[in-house]
Amino acid sequence: MIKKNTAILLSALTAVSLIVGCANKIDSSAETTKSEHEAPKGPIKISIMADLQTTEVPSDKLEKVLEQKTNSELEIQWVPDGSYDEKFQAAFATGSLPQVVYLKNAASFTLMRDAVRNNQFWEVGPFLLDYPNLKNLNPTILNHTAVGGKIYSLYQERQPARAGFIYRKDWTDKLGLSVPKTVDELYTMLKKFKDADLAGGGKTIPLSDRNDLVYGAFKTVSMFFGTPNGWGVQDGKLIPDFMTKGYVDTMKFMKKLRDEGLINQDFPVTSKTDQQNLMVTGRSGLYIGTMGDVKGLQEKTVKNVPEAEYEVVNDIQGVDGKNITWGLSGYGTVVLFPKSSINSEQELKSILGVMDKFYSPEIADLLKYGLKDEHYALKDGKVVPSTDSKLIEKEVRPYLNMALYESTNVTPAYYSLPVFEKAIKLSNGAVKFMITDPTISLDSKAFNEKGSRLQDLMKDATYQFILNKIDESGFQAAVKKWQNDGGQKIIDEFNQQYKK
């Protein structure tokens, strides 16, 4: 624990030192800085690549307001969530990325570190103190995004411990079931959902999941079996999660759920939209993921199943009898600025001037809530979102993935849905028992070069095991291949830094 706390402190101090150093540089050229950051006469043209997690591209209503308030002319390229990483990599390979790119998630950023290190993206750290909002970014979170001690990205703020269960309370009430507190109780709940066929017509799928081993059910469930968050310490050394007993036990559990029809059979190829549709249409009774998703699920499900009532829980006991969950590093994803599309430092500074406004209270509210008196109202100084879910889905929700602040500089919401308020409170409280990845601030050249391919290798092996295409020896053969193909080098490089 001392080592961990010391590492965090040193990380924060490193980031602060970097920013202070930048400040000295800026002070020495005050005249130049002042002239460089004078407000441009016309709107700044910016192309942006954004992750679309709704079924349709939004109307341009918010985009026009965003342009007006940030003095910009935006070209937003909305890319469907299911193909985002693929589209991003293709554009990167051909040098056709737009000027501002949101990565899909923190894992996607990790896989881009080598490209960042190889000067494919602009370093932004030296300019942050030039802007009224960027200068207030959290230095610890910035340090978590650093590559080679330098800051190349802006971060999208995220509450770190959000994972939990969203389940049909009306189903558990009907069956006389208590809130699941252990893996055994989770299994019992799913089994009873199936046996009672609460969706009717033999269509009940107790647990809905998707093709994501991190943000879907797998990682959250793996914590209960003692699996570390990404990497863990065993015999004093760092090892990846899939080399632990807990990971194998999790695969066996997920395989059991699939074999017994307690989870959608095609979850390895199911999108998040299709996963949620199983809940919304009343076919599934449990969703494992971000608890904040309960708001949208509740609002949509009652339109199809009026009696549907959701509940959330995250205080689940692990193998040691203690509550456990996994936590993020304080950011959900990052924003990068490709050198292939931004031709000069002056152009970068103009774009940063627009992005700086994304962190302002006015734009933070706009991207999260939409327009006052149209998408939300104010009650006692708090935001009351419109109950017109179709309007919000069409005009507001897609922009949530462009919002950079989640709670900082954002007007608090008035929770008309108690279960959503509970989800937020549980997420905040889970920080006390969350497990973080000890390699967050570490860097490995081998991982940067081979991590993506090796990660796909283990992802495929995990799914093959669950789908009964390989047995445990086959999975261990994949682990061995991972080590031989560069994985052992990754382990060695992480451990060299961890010991320091």
Protein backbone atom coordinates (compact mmCIF):
# COMPACT_ATOMS: atom_id res chain seq x y z
CA MET A 1 0.00 0.00 0.00
CA ILE A 2 2.90 2.36 0.81
CA LYS A 3 4.43 1.64 -2.58
CA LYS A 4 1.12 2.28 -4.32
CA ASN A 5 0.47 5.58 -2.51
CA THR A 6 4.02 6.71 -3.12
CA ALA A 7 3.65 5.97 -6.84
CA ILE A 8 0.46 8.01 -7.01
CA LEU A 9 2.08 10.93 -5.19
CA LEU A 10 5.12 10.85 -7.45
CA SER A 11 2.87 10.70 -10.50
CA ALA A 12 0.99 13.80 -9.39
CA LEU A 13 4.21 15.64 -8.58
CA THR A 14 5.64 14.73 -11.98
CA ALA A 15 2.62 16.22 -13.72
CA VAL A 16 2.74 19.36 -11.59
CA SER A 17 6.45 19.76 -12.27
CA LEU A 18 5.81 19.43 -15.98
CA ILE A 19 3.14 22.12 -15.89
CA VAL A 20 5.22 24.45 -13.72
CA GLY A 21 8.09 24.05 -16.13
CA CYS A 22 5.78 24.98 -18.96
CA ALA A 23 4.63 28.03 -17.00
CA ASN A 24 8.20 29.34 -16.79
CA LYS A 25 8.57 28.94 -20.52
CA ILE A 26 5.31 30.78 -21.12
CA ASP A 27 6.21 33.62 -18.75
CA SER A 28 9.41 34.26 -20.67
CA SER A 29 7.49 34.87 -23.87
CA ALA A 30 4.44 36.75 -22.58
CA GLU A 31 4.34 39.19 -25.47
CA THR A 32 4.31 36.41 -28.08
CA THR A 33 1.73 34.38 -26.17
CA LYS A 34 -0.60 37.34 -25.90
CA SER A 35 -0.56 37.99 -29.63
CA GLU A 36 -0.86 34.30 -30.50
CA HIS A 37 -4.02 33.88 -28.44
CA GLU A 38 -5.95 36.92 -29.53
CA ALA A 39 -9.50 35.97 -30.50
CA PRO A 40 -9.67 35.02 -34.18
CA LYS A 41 -11.78 37.23 -36.39
CA GLY A 42 -13.75 34.40 -37.94
CA PRO A 43 -14.92 30.95 -36.78
CA ILE A 44 -12.30 28.23 -36.48
CA LYS A 45 -12.93 25.32 -38.84
CA ILE A 46 -12.45 21.99 -37.07
CA SER A 47 -13.08 18.41 -38.13
CA ILE A 48 -13.91 15.96 -35.32
CA MET A 49 -14.25 12.18 -35.13
CA ALA A 50 -16.76 11.10 -32.49
CA ASP A 51 -18.12 7.77 -31.22
CA LEU A 52 -21.83 7.31 -31.97
CA GLN A 53 -23.60 5.11 -29.40
CA THR A 54 -27.13 5.69 -30.65
CA THR A 55 -28.84 4.12 -33.64
CA GLU A 56 -29.06 7.38 -35.59
CA VAL A 57 -26.84 10.37 -36.27
CA PRO A 58 -28.18 13.32 -34.23
CA SER A 59 -29.80 16.39 -35.72
CA ASP A 60 -27.52 19.39 -36.04
CA LYS A 61 -29.49 21.52 -33.55
CA LEU A 62 -26.90 21.30 -30.75
CA GLU A 63 -24.06 21.42 -33.24
CA LYS A 64 -25.18 24.85 -34.48
CA VAL A 65 -25.41 26.19 -30.92
CA LEU A 66 -22.03 24.66 -30.10
CA GLU A 67 -20.50 26.39 -33.11
CA GLN A 68 -21.98 29.73 -32.14
CA LYS A 69 -20.81 29.54 -28.52
CA THR A 70 -17.28 28.34 -29.37
CA ASN A 71 -16.76 30.53 -32.46
CA SER A 72 -16.19 27.46 -34.60
CA GLU A 73 -17.33 25.75 -37.76
CA LEU A 74 -17.53 22.04 -36.98
CA GLU A 75 -17.44 19.01 -39.23
CA ILE A 76 -18.38 16.10 -36.96
CA GLN A 77 -17.77 12.62 -38.31
CA TRP A 78 -20.10 10.32 -36.36
CA VAL A 79 -18.80 6.74 -36.40
CA PRO A 80 -20.95 3.88 -35.02
CA ASP A 81 -19.62 2.46 -31.75
CA GLY A 82 -19.38 -1.11 -33.07
CA SER A 83 -16.91 -0.17 -35.81
CA TYR A 84 -15.19 2.81 -34.18
CA ASP A 85 -11.79 1.28 -33.46
CA GLU A 86 -11.66 -0.26 -36.93
CA LYS A 87 -12.53 3.04 -38.63
CA PHE A 88 -10.05 4.91 -36.46
CA GLN A 89 -7.19 2.55 -37.30
CA ALA A 90 -8.01 2.66 -41.01
CA ALA A 91 -8.02 6.46 -41.02
CA PHE A 92 -4.79 6.55 -39.01
CA ALA A 93 -3.08 4.14 -41.42
CA THR A 94 -4.03 6.28 -44.42
CA GLY A 95 -3.24 9.62 -42.78
CA SER A 96 -6.86 10.73 -43.09
CA LEU A 97 -7.81 11.35 -39.47
CA PRO A 98 -9.66 14.60 -38.77
CA GLN A 99 -8.08 17.32 -36.64
CA VAL A 100 -9.67 16.27 -33.35
CA VAL A 101 -10.17 12.58 -32.57
CA TYR A 102 -11.88 11.01 -29.60
CA LEU A 103 -10.56 7.51 -28.93
CA LYS A 104 -13.21 4.93 -28.07
CA ASN A 105 -11.95 4.32 -24.53
CA ALA A 106 -8.88 4.24 -22.31
CA ALA A 107 -7.88 0.81 -23.66
CA SER A 108 -7.83 2.23 -27.20
CA PHE A 109 -5.49 4.98 -26.01
CA THR A 110 -3.12 2.48 -24.45
CA LEU A 111 -2.76 0.76 -27.81
CA MET A 112 -1.94 4.09 -29.48
CA ARG A 113 0.89 5.02 -27.14
CA ASP A 114 3.60 3.92 -29.55
CA ALA A 115 2.17 6.10 -32.33
CA VAL A 116 2.00 8.99 -29.87
CA ARG A 117 5.60 8.43 -28.85
CA ASN A 118 6.61 8.36 -32.52
CA ASN A 119 5.48 11.93 -33.02
CA GLN A 120 2.22 11.18 -34.87
CA PHE A 121 0.22 13.50 -32.59
CA TRP A 122 0.81 16.97 -31.22
CA GLU A 123 2.08 17.47 -27.69
CA VAL A 124 -0.35 19.79 -25.88
CA GLY A 125 1.15 19.92 -22.38
CA PRO A 126 3.24 23.08 -22.97
CA PHE A 127 0.11 25.06 -23.94
CA LEU A 128 -2.39 24.08 -21.24
CA LEU A 129 -1.64 27.03 -18.96
CA ASP A 130 -2.50 29.41 -21.79
CA TYR A 131 -6.22 28.67 -21.53
CA PRO A 132 -8.67 29.49 -18.72
CA ASN A 133 -10.18 26.00 -18.44
CA LEU A 134 -7.38 23.75 -19.66
CA LYS A 135 -5.07 25.15 -16.98
CA ASN A 136 -7.42 23.72 -14.33
CA LEU A 137 -7.32 20.13 -15.54
CA ASN A 138 -6.52 17.56 -12.84
CA PRO A 139 -2.72 17.00 -12.86
CA THR A 140 -3.03 13.43 -11.56
CA ILE A 141 -5.41 12.41 -14.33
CA LEU A 142 -3.24 14.20 -16.88
CA ASN A 143 -0.26 12.22 -15.64
CA HIS A 144 -2.21 8.99 -16.16
CA THR A 145 -2.48 9.94 -19.83
CA ALA A 146 1.18 10.94 -20.20
CA VAL A 147 3.40 9.20 -22.73
CA GLY A 148 7.11 9.43 -22.06
CA GLY A 149 6.41 12.06 -19.40
CA LYS A 150 4.65 14.36 -21.89
CA ILE A 151 0.99 15.31 -22.26
CA TYR A 152 -0.45 14.74 -25.74
CA SER A 153 -4.14 14.58 -24.99
CA LEU A 154 -7.12 16.13 -23.28
CA TYR A 155 -9.13 13.76 -21.13
CA GLN A 156 -12.80 12.95 -20.84
CA GLU A 157 -13.65 12.95 -17.13
CA ARG A 158 -15.28 9.78 -15.83
CA GLN A 159 -16.37 8.59 -12.40
CA PRO A 160 -13.90 5.75 -11.73
CA ALA A 161 -16.07 3.04 -10.12
CA ARG A 162 -19.27 2.72 -12.15
CA ALA A 163 -19.74 -1.02 -12.66
CA GLY A 164 -22.59 -2.94 -11.08
CA PHE A 165 -25.84 -4.82 -11.66
CA ILE A 166 -29.02 -3.37 -13.16
CA TYR A 167 -31.84 -5.85 -12.67
CA ARG A 168 -35.61 -6.14 -12.91
CA LYS A 169 -36.84 -5.57 -9.38
CA ASP A 170 -40.38 -6.51 -10.37
CA TRP A 171 -39.00 -9.92 -11.41
CA THR A 172 -37.13 -10.49 -8.15
CA ASP A 173 -40.17 -9.32 -6.15
CA LYS A 174 -42.43 -11.70 -8.06
CA LEU A 175 -40.08 -14.61 -7.32
CA GLY A 176 -39.36 -13.58 -3.73
CA LEU A 177 -35.63 -13.17 -4.43
CA SER A 178 -33.30 -11.02 -2.34
CA VAL A 179 -30.66 -8.69 -3.74
CA PRO A 180 -27.68 -10.78 -4.99
CA LYS A 181 -24.61 -10.28 -2.81
CA THR A 182 -22.40 -13.14 -4.04
CA VAL A 183 -21.69 -14.97 -7.28
CA ASP A 184 -23.74 -17.94 -6.05
CA GLU A 185 -26.73 -15.68 -5.42
CA LEU A 186 -26.23 -14.12 -8.86
CA TYR A 187 -26.38 -17.56 -10.45
CA THR A 188 -29.47 -18.48 -8.43
CA MET A 189 -31.23 -15.32 -9.57
CA LEU A 190 -30.48 -16.01 -13.24
CA LYS A 191 -31.54 -19.63 -12.89
CA LYS A 192 -34.87 -18.67 -11.37
CA PHE A 193 -35.45 -16.04 -14.06
CA LYS A 194 -34.98 -18.78 -16.66
CA ASP A 195 -37.10 -21.39 -14.92
CA ALA A 196 -39.98 -18.96 -14.39
CA ASP A 197 -39.74 -17.74 -18.01
CA LEU A 198 -40.75 -14.26 -16.90
CA ALA A 199 -40.51 -12.87 -20.45
CA GLY A 200 -42.98 -15.51 -21.60
CA GLY A 201 -43.09 -17.83 -24.58
CA GLY A 202 -39.75 -19.40 -23.77
CA LYS A 203 -38.01 -16.17 -24.79
CA THR A 204 -36.45 -15.27 -21.45
CA ILE A 205 -32.71 -14.49 -21.57
CA PRO A 206 -31.80 -13.87 -17.91
CA LEU A 207 -28.55 -11.97 -18.54
CA SER A 208 -27.96 -9.71 -21.55
CA ASP A 209 -24.31 -9.14 -22.47
CA ARG A 210 -22.23 -7.78 -25.35
CA ASN A 211 -18.95 -8.24 -27.19
CA ASP A 212 -16.79 -6.43 -24.66
CA LEU A 213 -14.68 -8.21 -22.05
CA VAL A 214 -14.03 -4.94 -20.21
CA TYR A 215 -17.20 -2.86 -20.16
CA GLY A 216 -19.55 -5.81 -20.52
CA ALA A 217 -20.23 -8.43 -17.83
CA PHE A 218 -16.93 -10.34 -17.88
CA LYS A 219 -14.60 -7.91 -16.11
CA THR A 220 -17.10 -6.99 -13.41
CA VAL A 221 -17.85 -10.65 -12.67
CA SER A 222 -14.14 -11.51 -12.74
CA MET A 223 -13.54 -9.25 -9.75
CA PHE A 224 -15.72 -11.50 -7.61
CA PHE A 225 -13.50 -14.46 -8.47
CA GLY A 226 -10.37 -12.60 -7.33
CA THR A 227 -9.14 -11.53 -10.76
CA PRO A 228 -7.01 -8.35 -10.70
CA ASN A 229 -7.96 -5.24 -12.65
CA GLY A 230 -5.92 -5.66 -15.83
CA TRP A 231 -2.73 -6.54 -13.98
CA GLY A 232 -2.10 -7.84 -10.49
CA VAL A 233 0.73 -8.74 -8.15
CA GLN A 234 1.56 -12.40 -7.59
CA ASP A 235 4.66 -13.47 -5.66
CA GLY A 236 5.82 -9.87 -5.69
CA LYS A 237 5.64 -9.49 -9.48
CA LEU A 238 3.13 -8.01 -11.90
CA ILE A 239 1.26 -10.45 -14.11
CA PRO A 240 -1.66 -9.96 -16.54
CA ASP A 241 -5.15 -10.88 -15.34
CA PHE A 242 -5.54 -13.86 -17.68
CA MET A 243 -2.62 -15.61 -15.98
CA THR A 244 -4.54 -15.80 -12.71
CA LYS A 245 -6.84 -18.49 -11.34
CA GLY A 246 -9.63 -15.94 -10.97
CA TYR A 247 -9.69 -15.29 -14.71
CA VAL A 248 -9.99 -18.99 -15.54
CA ASP A 249 -12.73 -19.38 -12.92
CA THR A 250 -14.57 -16.47 -14.54
CA MET A 251 -14.37 -18.10 -17.97
CA LYS A 252 -15.78 -21.31 -16.51
CA PHE A 253 -18.62 -19.37 -14.90
CA MET A 254 -19.48 -17.53 -18.13
CA LYS A 255 -19.32 -20.81 -20.04
CA LYS A 256 -21.73 -22.34 -17.54
CA LEU A 257 -24.16 -19.45 -18.01
CA ARG A 258 -24.06 -19.90 -21.77
CA ASP A 259 -24.34 -23.70 -21.65
CA GLU A 260 -27.44 -23.38 -19.47
CA GLY A 261 -29.06 -20.67 -21.57
CA LEU A 262 -28.74 -18.02 -18.87
CA ILE A 263 -27.06 -15.49 -21.20
CA ASN A 264 -27.63 -14.54 -24.83
CA GLN A 265 -25.84 -17.21 -26.86
CA ASP A 266 -24.35 -14.73 -29.33
CA PHE A 267 -22.99 -12.25 -26.76
CA PRO A 268 -19.43 -12.40 -28.22
CA VAL A 269 -20.80 -10.63 -31.32
CA THR A 270 -23.61 -8.60 -29.73
CA SER A 271 -23.40 -4.78 -29.83
CA LYS A 272 -24.23 -2.57 -26.85
CA THR A 273 -27.37 -1.37 -28.63
CA ASP A 274 -28.60 -4.94 -29.16
CA GLN A 275 -27.67 -5.82 -25.59
CA GLN A 276 -29.78 -2.98 -24.25
CA ASN A 277 -32.64 -3.89 -26.59
CA LEU A 278 -32.91 -7.25 -24.83
CA MET A 279 -33.62 -5.33 -21.64
CA VAL A 280 -35.83 -2.68 -23.21
CA THR A 281 -38.08 -5.25 -24.90
CA GLY A 282 -38.51 -7.13 -21.62
CA ARG A 283 -36.65 -10.30 -22.60
CA SER A 284 -33.78 -9.96 -20.11
CA GLY A 285 -33.72 -9.27 -16.39
CA LEU A 286 -30.08 -8.45 -15.68
CA TYR A 287 -27.57 -6.03 -17.21
CA ILE A 288 -24.00 -5.88 -15.91
CA GLY A 289 -22.14 -2.68 -16.73
CA THR A 290 -22.29 1.03 -15.94
CA MET A 291 -25.04 1.51 -13.35
CA GLY A 292 -25.84 4.96 -14.75
CA ASP A 293 -27.32 3.20 -17.79
CA VAL A 294 -30.35 2.44 -15.62
CA LYS A 295 -31.93 5.79 -16.47
CA GLY A 296 -32.20 5.11 -20.19
CA LEU A 297 -33.16 1.48 -19.64
CA GLN A 298 -35.98 2.37 -17.24
CA GLU A 299 -37.40 5.10 -19.43
CA LYS A 300 -37.40 2.93 -22.54
CA THR A 301 -38.50 -0.34 -20.97
CA VAL A 302 -41.69 1.01 -19.38
CA LYS A 303 -42.93 1.95 -22.82
CA ASN A 304 -42.89 -1.72 -23.77
CA VAL A 305 -43.44 -3.23 -20.34
CA PRO A 306 -45.36 -0.71 -18.15
CA GLU A 307 -44.85 -2.70 -14.93
CA ALA A 308 -41.05 -2.92 -15.36
CA GLU A 309 -39.05 -1.58 -12.43
CA TYR A 310 -35.26 -1.58 -12.23
CA GLU A 311 -32.92 -1.69 -9.24
CA VAL A 312 -29.14 -1.34 -8.97
CA VAL A 313 -26.53 -2.97 -6.74
CA ASN A 314 -22.73 -3.01 -6.65
CA ASP A 315 -21.76 -4.14 -3.15
CA ILE A 316 -21.04 -7.71 -4.23
CA GLN A 317 -18.67 -9.87 -2.19
CA GLY A 318 -15.59 -11.42 -3.71
CA VAL A 319 -13.96 -14.73 -2.82
CA ASP A 320 -12.54 -13.18 0.36
CA GLY A 321 -15.98 -12.08 1.55
CA LYS A 322 -15.25 -8.39 1.00
CA ASN A 323 -16.97 -6.00 -1.39
CA ILE A 324 -15.02 -5.43 -4.57
CA THR A 325 -15.29 -3.70 -7.93
CA TRP A 326 -12.89 -2.46 -10.57
CA GLY A 327 -12.05 1.19 -11.13
CA LEU A 328 -10.88 3.39 -13.97
CA SER A 329 -8.09 5.95 -13.86
CA GLY A 330 -10.37 9.00 -13.75
CA TYR A 331 -10.81 9.30 -17.49
CA GLY A 332 -13.03 7.42 -19.91
CA THR A 333 -11.10 8.29 -23.04
CA VAL A 334 -8.85 10.98 -24.47
CA VAL A 335 -8.83 13.49 -27.30
CA LEU A 336 -5.81 13.53 -29.62
CA PHE A 337 -4.64 15.98 -32.28
CA PRO A 338 -3.08 14.28 -35.34
CA LYS A 339 -0.12 15.94 -37.03
CA SER A 340 -1.36 14.55 -40.34
CA SER A 341 -4.30 16.97 -40.25
CA ILE A 342 -3.02 19.88 -38.12
CA ASN A 343 -0.26 21.58 -40.05
CA SER A 344 1.17 24.06 -37.59
CA GLU A 345 1.52 24.95 -33.94
CA GLN A 346 -0.57 28.06 -34.54
CA GLU A 347 -3.38 25.94 -35.98
CA LEU A 348 -3.16 23.63 -32.96
CA LYS A 349 -3.43 26.59 -30.58
CA SER A 350 -6.54 27.85 -32.37
CA ILE A 351 -8.14 24.42 -32.05
CA LEU A 352 -7.17 24.20 -28.38
CA GLY A 353 -8.89 27.54 -27.90
CA VAL A 354 -12.13 25.93 -29.03
CA MET A 355 -11.58 22.74 -27.03
CA ASP A 356 -10.88 24.85 -23.94
CA LYS A 357 -14.50 26.01 -24.09
CA PHE A 358 -15.68 22.38 -23.98
CA TYR A 359 -14.55 22.42 -20.33
CA SER A 360 -16.45 25.61 -19.52
CA PRO A 361 -19.69 25.36 -17.47
CA GLU A 362 -21.80 26.61 -20.38
CA ILE A 363 -20.56 24.07 -22.93
CA ALA A 364 -20.28 21.29 -20.35
CA ASP A 365 -24.01 21.74 -19.65
CA LEU A 366 -24.84 21.99 -23.34
CA LEU A 367 -23.12 18.72 -24.24
CA LYS A 368 -24.55 16.85 -21.25
CA TYR A 369 -28.08 18.22 -21.06
CA GLY A 370 -28.84 20.05 -24.30
CA LEU A 371 -30.74 23.35 -24.46
CA LYS A 372 -32.46 24.97 -21.49
CA ASP A 373 -36.26 25.09 -21.78
CA GLU A 374 -36.13 22.62 -24.65
CA HIS A 375 -34.21 19.59 -23.42
CA TYR A 376 -34.23 20.46 -19.74
CA ALA A 377 -35.57 22.88 -17.16
CA LEU A 378 -34.12 24.18 -13.89
CA LYS A 379 -35.65 23.37 -10.50
CA ASP A 380 -34.03 24.75 -7.36
CA GLY A 381 -30.88 25.35 -9.38
CA LYS A 382 -30.73 21.75 -10.61
CA VAL A 383 -31.29 20.34 -14.09
CA VAL A 384 -34.56 18.52 -14.76
CA PRO A 385 -34.20 16.65 -18.09
CA SER A 386 -37.11 16.43 -20.49
CA THR A 387 -39.24 13.30 -20.21
CA ASP A 388 -39.39 13.12 -24.01
CA SER A 389 -36.90 10.27 -24.38
CA LYS A 390 -37.15 10.25 -28.19
CA LEU A 391 -36.17 13.92 -28.29
CA ILE A 392 -33.23 13.36 -25.94
CA GLU A 393 -32.13 10.26 -27.87
CA LYS A 394 -32.23 12.11 -31.18
CA GLU A 395 -30.80 15.49 -30.24
CA VAL A 396 -28.80 15.19 -27.01
CA ARG A 397 -27.57 11.72 -26.08
CA PRO A 398 -25.02 11.37 -28.94
CA TYR A 399 -23.25 14.50 -27.68
CA LEU A 400 -22.62 12.92 -24.29
CA ASN A 401 -19.66 11.14 -25.88
CA MET A 402 -18.22 14.51 -26.85
CA ALA A 403 -18.68 15.99 -23.37
CA LEU A 404 -15.34 16.27 -21.57
CA TYR A 405 -16.58 17.01 -18.07
CA GLU A 406 -18.94 14.59 -16.34
CA SER A 407 -19.38 16.40 -13.00
CA THR A 408 -16.79 19.18 -12.75
CA ASN A 409 -18.19 22.51 -14.02
CA VAL A 410 -21.54 20.80 -14.67
CA THR A 411 -24.84 21.92 -13.13
CA PRO A 412 -26.10 19.17 -10.78
CA ALA A 413 -29.07 17.17 -11.99
CA TYR A 414 -32.40 16.89 -10.22
CA TYR A 415 -33.04 13.16 -9.99
CA SER A 416 -36.65 12.50 -10.92
CA LEU A 417 -35.76 8.81 -11.11
CA PRO A 418 -34.69 7.58 -7.65
CA VAL A 419 -32.92 4.49 -9.01
CA PHE A 420 -30.68 6.70 -11.16
CA GLU A 421 -29.77 8.84 -8.16
CA LYS A 422 -28.99 5.63 -6.28
CA ALA A 423 -26.73 4.49 -9.15
CA ILE A 424 -24.72 7.71 -8.90
CA LYS A 425 -24.41 7.44 -5.12
CA LEU A 426 -23.35 3.79 -5.28
CA SER A 427 -20.73 4.64 -7.90
CA ASN A 428 -19.31 7.41 -5.73
CA GLY A 429 -19.27 5.14 -2.69
CA ALA A 430 -17.56 2.30 -4.55
CA VAL A 431 -14.34 4.30 -4.76
CA LYS A 432 -13.65 3.02 -1.23
CA PHE A 433 -13.45 -0.62 -2.33
CA MET A 434 -12.47 -0.41 -6.00
CA ILE A 435 -9.35 -2.07 -7.39
CA THR A 436 -7.25 -0.09 -9.88
CA ASP A 437 -4.77 -1.24 -12.51
CA PRO A 438 -1.22 -0.90 -11.12
CA THR A 439 0.17 -0.37 -14.64
CA ILE A 440 -1.83 2.85 -15.28
CA SER A 441 1.26 5.06 -15.06
CA LEU A 442 3.70 2.49 -16.43
CA ASP A 443 4.83 2.22 -20.03
CA SER A 444 6.10 -0.71 -22.05
CA LYS A 445 7.65 -0.40 -25.49
CA ALA A 446 6.80 -4.05 -26.18
CA PHE A 447 3.18 -3.44 -25.22
CA ASN A 448 3.02 -0.36 -27.44
CA GLU A 449 4.35 -2.35 -30.37
CA LYS A 450 2.55 -5.66 -29.90
CA GLY A 451 -0.12 -5.07 -27.29
CA SER A 452 -3.04 -4.77 -29.71
CA ARG A 453 -2.34 -8.05 -31.49
CA LEU A 454 -1.56 -9.88 -28.27
CA GLN A 455 -4.69 -8.52 -26.62
CA ASP A 456 -6.77 -9.82 -29.52
CA LEU A 457 -5.10 -13.21 -29.10
CA MET A 458 -6.25 -13.50 -25.50
CA LYS A 459 -9.66 -12.04 -26.23
CA ASP A 460 -10.22 -14.68 -28.91
CA ALA A 461 -8.96 -17.45 -26.63
CA THR A 462 -11.30 -16.29 -23.86
CA TYR A 463 -14.33 -16.39 -26.15
CA GLN A 464 -13.26 -19.74 -27.63
CA PHE A 465 -13.14 -21.22 -24.15
CA ILE A 466 -16.57 -19.85 -23.25
CA LEU A 467 -17.97 -21.11 -26.57
CA ASN A 468 -16.50 -24.57 -25.83
CA LYS A 469 -14.16 -24.49 -28.83
CA ILE A 470 -11.05 -25.01 -26.71
CA ASP A 471 -10.53 -26.48 -23.24
CA GLU A 472 -8.36 -25.17 -20.40
CA SER A 473 -5.19 -26.67 -21.89
CA GLY A 474 -6.00 -24.90 -25.15
CA PHE A 475 -6.39 -21.62 -23.29
CA GLN A 476 -3.06 -22.13 -21.52
CA ALA A 477 -1.50 -22.79 -24.92
CA ALA A 478 -2.76 -19.36 -25.98
CA VAL A 479 -1.22 -17.84 -22.84
CA LYS A 480 2.09 -19.50 -23.71
CA LYS A 481 1.89 -18.13 -27.25
CA TRP A 482 1.16 -14.69 -25.81
CA GLN A 483 4.33 -14.93 -23.73
CA ASN A 484 6.48 -16.22 -26.59
CA ASP A 485 5.20 -13.61 -29.06
CA GLY A 486 6.20 -10.67 -26.89
CA GLY A 487 4.06 -10.95 -23.78
CA GLN A 488 6.94 -11.97 -21.53
CA LYS A 489 8.81 -8.87 -22.65
CA ILE A 490 5.80 -6.78 -21.62
CA ILE A 491 5.78 -8.45 -18.20
CA ASP A 492 9.51 -7.80 -17.78
CA GLU A 493 9.28 -4.14 -18.80
CA PHE A 494 6.34 -3.41 -16.51
CA ASN A 495 8.11 -5.10 -13.60
CA GLN A 496 11.31 -3.16 -14.18
CA GLN A 497 9.36 0.05 -13.62
CA TYR A 498 7.13 -1.32 -10.86
CA LYS A 499 10.10 -2.18 -8.67
CA LYS A 500 11.23 1.41 -8.83
